[in-house]
Amino acid sequence: MDKRFALRVDIDTVRGLVDGVPPLLAICEELGTRATFFATVGTDTAARAFVLAPRLRRHMAISPLAKYGLREILGSIAGRRFLPHAEKIRNIEKRGHELQLHCYNHLDWVRNIERADPPRALSMIERGAEAFEKMLGRRPEGFASPSFKVTDAVLDAEERLGFRYASDYRLEGDRGPFKEGKRSVLQIPVNAPLIEDLVAEGLPDDHIISRIVDVVGSSALTVMYIHACYEPLAKPQLLRSTLQKALELAQCVTFTEIWQAWNRSE
């Protein structure tokens, strides 16, 4: 197959890790595919985000309980730690998938990164990298900016920390990987719609599948992303059907394989 398809999985919450990842791994094994997971590794306060005014209507369209669960919402008041679940994070790699860094605290990033000066942006990513290393015994080689919030300070920090690639952008069309100016970090943008967003728009399942499969059919590389706390739990059959259709048209690749192919072509 000439077309390639990459599945990016964001682990934003402890619920996503504990309850969402296992059924997702089962779906991937059933379909014979691999994903690239980006893990939050510090403290989970993400469920507080559903009360933010700019996102309230969208969150209510998919139901906060469907995405976060009651335990997650209540736990976010104090914060839930990922470290007690480190073995579940390590298990993702053991099952043959790629595992890289998302952040230390998802909500902290979303609320503060756009105001962060270069030292603060560097420290926010470095804190996550240190927690990741504590869990995995290695430094992360890839990074995905939470909620696609990225600044020049973030891009500079990625360079300083030696990441091979990042996934900081959502772009439409067959954009493909690229590098920002003279920076060495390869950007691998998401270009397929998010199932969660399409559900929030009220689209039926068959229309959602068509929207995503149309991107796969018209792109040399399709990067689709999901949240471990939503699609595998609230829409498992829709997720499975979408992946199955996509894999009929394109070869599955991980982000590292995309990075390797880029280097071979240069």
Protein backbone atom coordinates (compact mmCIF):
# COMPACT_ATOMS: atom_id res chain seq x y z
CA MET A 1 0.00 0.00 0.00
CA ASP A 2 1.24 3.51 -0.83
CA LYS A 3 -0.98 5.17 1.77
CA ARG A 4 -0.01 5.25 5.43
CA PHE A 5 -2.17 5.55 8.53
CA ALA A 6 -1.05 6.43 12.06
CA LEU A 7 -3.20 6.29 15.18
CA ARG A 8 -2.27 8.74 17.93
CA VAL A 9 -3.76 8.01 21.36
CA ASP A 10 -3.73 10.74 24.01
CA ILE A 11 -3.83 9.56 27.63
CA ASP A 12 -5.09 12.63 29.46
CA THR A 13 -6.66 11.00 32.53
CA VAL A 14 -6.16 8.14 34.95
CA ARG A 15 -9.54 6.76 33.88
CA GLY A 16 -8.35 6.73 30.29
CA LEU A 17 -5.26 4.77 31.29
CA VAL A 18 -6.95 2.31 33.64
CA ASP A 19 -10.30 1.78 31.91
CA GLY A 20 -9.84 2.99 28.33
CA VAL A 21 -6.47 1.60 27.31
CA PRO A 22 -7.25 -2.12 27.88
CA PRO A 23 -10.22 -2.27 25.45
CA LEU A 24 -8.27 -0.16 22.97
CA LEU A 25 -5.35 -2.59 23.11
CA ALA A 26 -7.80 -5.42 22.49
CA ILE A 27 -9.23 -3.64 19.42
CA CYS A 28 -5.72 -3.02 18.07
CA GLU A 29 -4.73 -6.65 18.56
CA GLU A 30 -7.93 -7.84 16.87
CA LEU A 31 -7.19 -5.62 13.85
CA GLY A 32 -3.45 -6.32 13.87
CA THR A 33 -2.53 -2.66 14.20
CA ARG A 34 -0.25 -0.57 16.39
CA ALA A 35 -0.72 2.89 17.84
CA THR A 36 1.48 5.65 19.19
CA PHE A 37 0.41 6.59 22.72
CA PHE A 38 1.20 9.94 24.33
CA ALA A 39 0.96 9.67 28.09
CA THR A 40 0.26 12.22 30.79
CA VAL A 41 2.54 11.12 33.62
CA GLY A 42 2.09 13.48 36.58
CA THR A 43 -1.21 14.59 38.10
CA ASP A 44 -4.66 14.23 36.56
CA THR A 45 -6.94 17.23 37.06
CA ALA A 46 -8.28 17.13 33.50
CA ALA A 47 -11.96 16.67 34.39
CA ARG A 48 -12.03 20.21 35.77
CA ALA A 49 -11.74 21.39 32.15
CA PHE A 50 -15.36 20.63 31.30
CA VAL A 51 -16.51 23.67 33.29
CA LEU A 52 -14.34 26.07 31.26
CA ALA A 53 -16.74 28.40 29.43
CA PRO A 54 -15.26 28.09 25.91
CA ARG A 55 -15.65 24.30 26.01
CA LEU A 56 -18.77 23.88 28.13
CA ARG A 57 -21.27 23.45 25.29
CA ARG A 58 -19.07 20.90 23.52
CA HIS A 59 -18.44 18.92 26.71
CA MET A 60 -22.14 18.82 27.48
CA ALA A 61 -22.84 17.56 23.95
CA ILE A 62 -20.83 14.40 24.66
CA SER A 63 -21.67 14.30 28.41
CA PRO A 64 -18.94 14.82 31.00
CA LEU A 65 -19.89 11.49 32.58
CA ALA A 66 -19.32 9.69 29.28
CA LYS A 67 -15.82 11.11 28.93
CA TYR A 68 -14.62 11.41 32.51
CA GLY A 69 -16.85 9.28 34.73
CA LEU A 70 -18.03 10.30 38.19
CA ARG A 71 -14.91 9.02 39.94
CA GLU A 72 -12.70 11.03 37.58
CA ILE A 73 -14.68 14.22 38.11
CA LEU A 74 -14.59 13.87 41.88
CA GLY A 75 -10.93 12.83 41.86
CA SER A 76 -9.97 15.89 39.86
CA ILE A 77 -10.87 18.08 42.81
CA ALA A 78 -7.72 16.91 44.58
CA GLY A 79 -5.91 15.43 41.59
CA ARG A 80 -5.19 11.79 40.75
CA ARG A 81 -1.61 10.63 40.35
CA PHE A 82 -0.38 8.49 37.46
CA LEU A 83 2.63 7.02 39.27
CA PRO A 84 0.65 4.29 41.09
CA HIS A 85 -0.43 3.09 37.64
CA ALA A 86 3.07 3.07 36.12
CA GLU A 87 2.86 -0.64 35.33
CA LYS A 88 -0.20 -0.03 33.17
CA ILE A 89 1.76 2.59 31.22
CA ARG A 90 4.71 0.20 30.80
CA ASN A 91 2.31 -2.49 29.61
CA ILE A 92 1.48 -0.41 26.54
CA GLU A 93 5.05 -0.82 25.29
CA LYS A 94 5.11 -4.48 26.26
CA ARG A 95 2.08 -5.01 24.01
CA GLY A 96 4.05 -3.72 21.00
CA HIS A 97 2.90 -0.11 20.81
CA GLU A 98 4.90 3.09 20.83
CA LEU A 99 4.84 5.23 23.97
CA GLN A 100 5.90 8.86 24.26
CA LEU A 101 5.24 11.99 26.35
CA HIS A 102 2.09 14.08 26.40
CA CYS A 103 2.63 16.20 29.51
CA TYR A 104 2.89 16.23 33.29
CA ASN A 105 -0.50 17.83 33.95
CA HIS A 106 -2.90 18.30 31.05
CA LEU A 107 -5.05 21.07 32.52
CA ASP A 108 -2.03 23.04 33.75
CA TRP A 109 -0.66 22.99 30.20
CA VAL A 110 -3.93 24.04 28.58
CA ARG A 111 -4.47 26.92 30.98
CA ASN A 112 -0.92 28.23 31.26
CA ILE A 113 1.37 27.31 28.36
CA GLU A 114 0.36 30.18 26.09
CA ARG A 115 1.47 32.64 28.80
CA ALA A 116 4.64 30.75 29.69
CA ASP A 117 8.01 32.36 28.99
CA PRO A 118 10.81 30.17 27.57
CA PRO A 119 12.18 28.99 30.97
CA ARG A 120 8.67 28.10 32.17
CA ALA A 121 7.79 26.24 28.96
CA LEU A 122 11.05 24.32 29.18
CA SER A 123 10.44 23.38 32.81
CA MET A 124 6.87 22.21 32.10
CA ILE A 125 8.06 19.78 29.43
CA GLU A 126 11.16 18.75 31.39
CA ARG A 127 9.04 17.92 34.43
CA GLY A 128 6.99 15.55 32.30
CA ALA A 129 10.12 14.05 30.73
CA GLU A 130 11.59 13.36 34.18
CA ALA A 131 8.39 11.67 35.39
CA PHE A 132 8.27 9.67 32.15
CA GLU A 133 11.86 8.51 32.67
CA LYS A 134 11.07 7.51 36.23
CA MET A 135 8.28 5.26 34.98
CA LEU A 136 9.86 3.90 31.80
CA GLY A 137 13.58 3.99 32.53
CA ARG A 138 14.27 6.04 29.40
CA ARG A 139 13.77 9.56 28.12
CA PRO A 140 10.88 10.18 25.72
CA GLU A 141 11.78 10.74 22.08
CA GLY A 142 8.43 12.20 21.00
CA PHE A 143 6.07 14.83 22.38
CA ALA A 144 2.49 15.90 21.65
CA SER A 145 1.36 19.28 22.90
CA PRO A 146 -1.92 18.97 24.86
CA SER A 147 -4.88 20.51 23.03
CA PHE A 148 -2.46 21.51 20.25
CA LYS A 149 -1.42 24.56 22.26
CA VAL A 150 2.04 25.43 20.99
CA THR A 151 4.22 28.55 21.08
CA ASP A 152 7.71 29.44 19.95
CA ALA A 153 8.83 28.77 23.52
CA VAL A 154 7.43 25.24 23.28
CA LEU A 155 9.12 24.62 19.93
CA ASP A 156 12.43 25.89 21.31
CA ALA A 157 12.07 23.66 24.39
CA GLU A 158 11.47 20.60 22.20
CA GLU A 159 14.74 21.38 20.43
CA ARG A 160 16.68 21.81 23.66
CA LEU A 161 15.32 18.57 25.10
CA GLY A 162 16.30 16.59 22.02
CA PHE A 163 12.97 15.25 20.84
CA ARG A 164 13.03 13.48 17.49
CA TYR A 165 9.48 14.43 16.62
CA ALA A 166 6.44 16.26 17.96
CA SER A 167 2.74 16.32 17.12
CA ASP A 168 1.72 19.88 17.93
CA TYR A 169 -0.67 20.78 15.11
CA ARG A 170 -4.05 19.89 13.61
CA LEU A 171 -4.06 20.65 9.89
CA GLU A 172 -6.52 19.84 7.14
CA GLY A 173 -5.61 18.06 3.93
CA ASP A 174 -2.65 15.94 2.89
CA ARG A 175 -0.09 18.12 4.68
CA GLY A 176 2.37 15.45 5.83
CA PRO A 177 5.32 15.85 8.21
CA PHE A 178 7.37 19.05 8.18
CA LYS A 179 10.04 20.94 10.07
CA GLU A 180 9.64 24.48 11.45
CA GLY A 181 12.29 26.63 9.80
CA LYS A 182 15.75 25.49 10.88
CA ARG A 183 14.47 23.39 13.77
CA SER A 184 15.42 19.72 13.79
CA VAL A 185 12.26 18.34 15.44
CA LEU A 186 9.95 16.75 12.88
CA GLN A 187 6.34 17.86 13.21
CA ILE A 188 3.78 15.11 12.51
CA PRO A 189 0.40 16.88 12.40
CA VAL A 190 -3.02 15.34 12.93
CA ASN A 191 -5.15 15.68 9.79
CA ALA A 192 -8.17 13.46 10.45
CA PRO A 193 -11.25 14.59 12.40
CA LEU A 194 -11.61 13.55 16.03
CA ILE A 195 -14.46 11.09 16.58
CA GLU A 196 -15.35 12.88 19.81
CA ASP A 197 -15.79 16.18 17.94
CA LEU A 198 -17.99 14.59 15.29
CA VAL A 199 -20.16 12.98 17.96
CA ALA A 200 -20.50 16.40 19.61
CA GLU A 201 -21.73 17.75 16.24
CA GLY A 202 -24.51 15.18 16.34
CA LEU A 203 -23.39 13.18 13.29
CA PRO A 204 -24.55 9.56 12.97
CA ASP A 205 -21.94 6.82 13.07
CA ASP A 206 -21.93 6.11 9.34
CA HIS A 207 -21.27 9.78 8.56
CA ILE A 208 -18.44 9.87 11.09
CA ILE A 209 -16.80 6.84 9.51
CA SER A 210 -17.17 8.37 6.05
CA ARG A 211 -15.63 11.68 7.14
CA ILE A 212 -12.52 9.96 8.47
CA VAL A 213 -12.21 7.37 5.71
CA ASP A 214 -12.46 10.14 3.09
CA VAL A 215 -9.30 11.68 4.59
CA VAL A 216 -7.53 8.32 4.47
CA GLY A 217 -8.49 7.84 0.86
CA SER A 218 -7.22 11.26 -0.21
CA SER A 219 -4.00 11.47 1.84
CA ALA A 220 -0.58 9.89 1.50
CA LEU A 221 -0.37 9.97 5.31
CA THR A 222 -3.36 10.15 7.63
CA VAL A 223 -2.84 10.84 11.31
CA MET A 224 -5.93 10.21 13.40
CA TYR A 225 -6.08 10.86 17.11
CA ILE A 226 -8.38 9.72 19.89
CA HIS A 227 -8.62 10.11 23.65
CA ALA A 228 -8.20 6.96 25.72
CA CYS A 229 -10.87 8.24 28.10
CA TYR A 230 -13.57 8.60 25.43
CA GLU A 231 -13.63 6.59 22.19
CA PRO A 232 -12.67 3.14 23.60
CA LEU A 233 -15.22 3.54 26.40
CA ALA A 234 -18.12 5.52 24.91
CA LYS A 235 -17.83 4.53 21.24
CA PRO A 236 -15.88 1.25 20.99
CA GLN A 237 -17.76 -0.19 18.01
CA LEU A 238 -17.58 3.08 16.09
CA LEU A 239 -13.85 3.23 16.81
CA ARG A 240 -13.32 -0.36 15.71
CA SER A 241 -15.30 0.11 12.49
CA THR A 242 -13.45 3.33 11.66
CA LEU A 243 -10.04 1.73 12.18
CA GLN A 244 -11.03 -1.33 10.18
CA LYS A 245 -12.11 0.81 7.22
CA ALA A 246 -8.98 2.95 7.43
CA LEU A 247 -6.70 -0.10 7.50
CA GLU A 248 -8.34 -1.45 4.37
CA LEU A 249 -6.97 1.60 2.54
CA ALA A 250 -3.66 2.30 4.25
CA GLN A 251 -0.72 0.64 5.95
CA CYS A 252 -0.41 1.22 9.67
CA VAL A 253 2.73 3.03 10.85
CA THR A 254 3.98 4.40 14.16
CA PHE A 255 5.30 7.91 14.62
CA THR A 256 8.86 6.61 14.88
CA GLU A 257 8.41 4.87 11.54
CA ILE A 258 7.21 8.16 10.05
CA TRP A 259 10.31 9.86 11.47
CA GLN A 260 12.56 7.12 10.09
CA ALA A 261 10.99 7.37 6.63
CA TRP A 262 11.49 11.14 6.66
CA ASN A 263 15.18 10.73 7.47
CA ARG A 264 15.66 8.17 4.71
CA SER A 265 14.10 10.55 2.20
CA GLU A 266 16.34 13.50 3.06
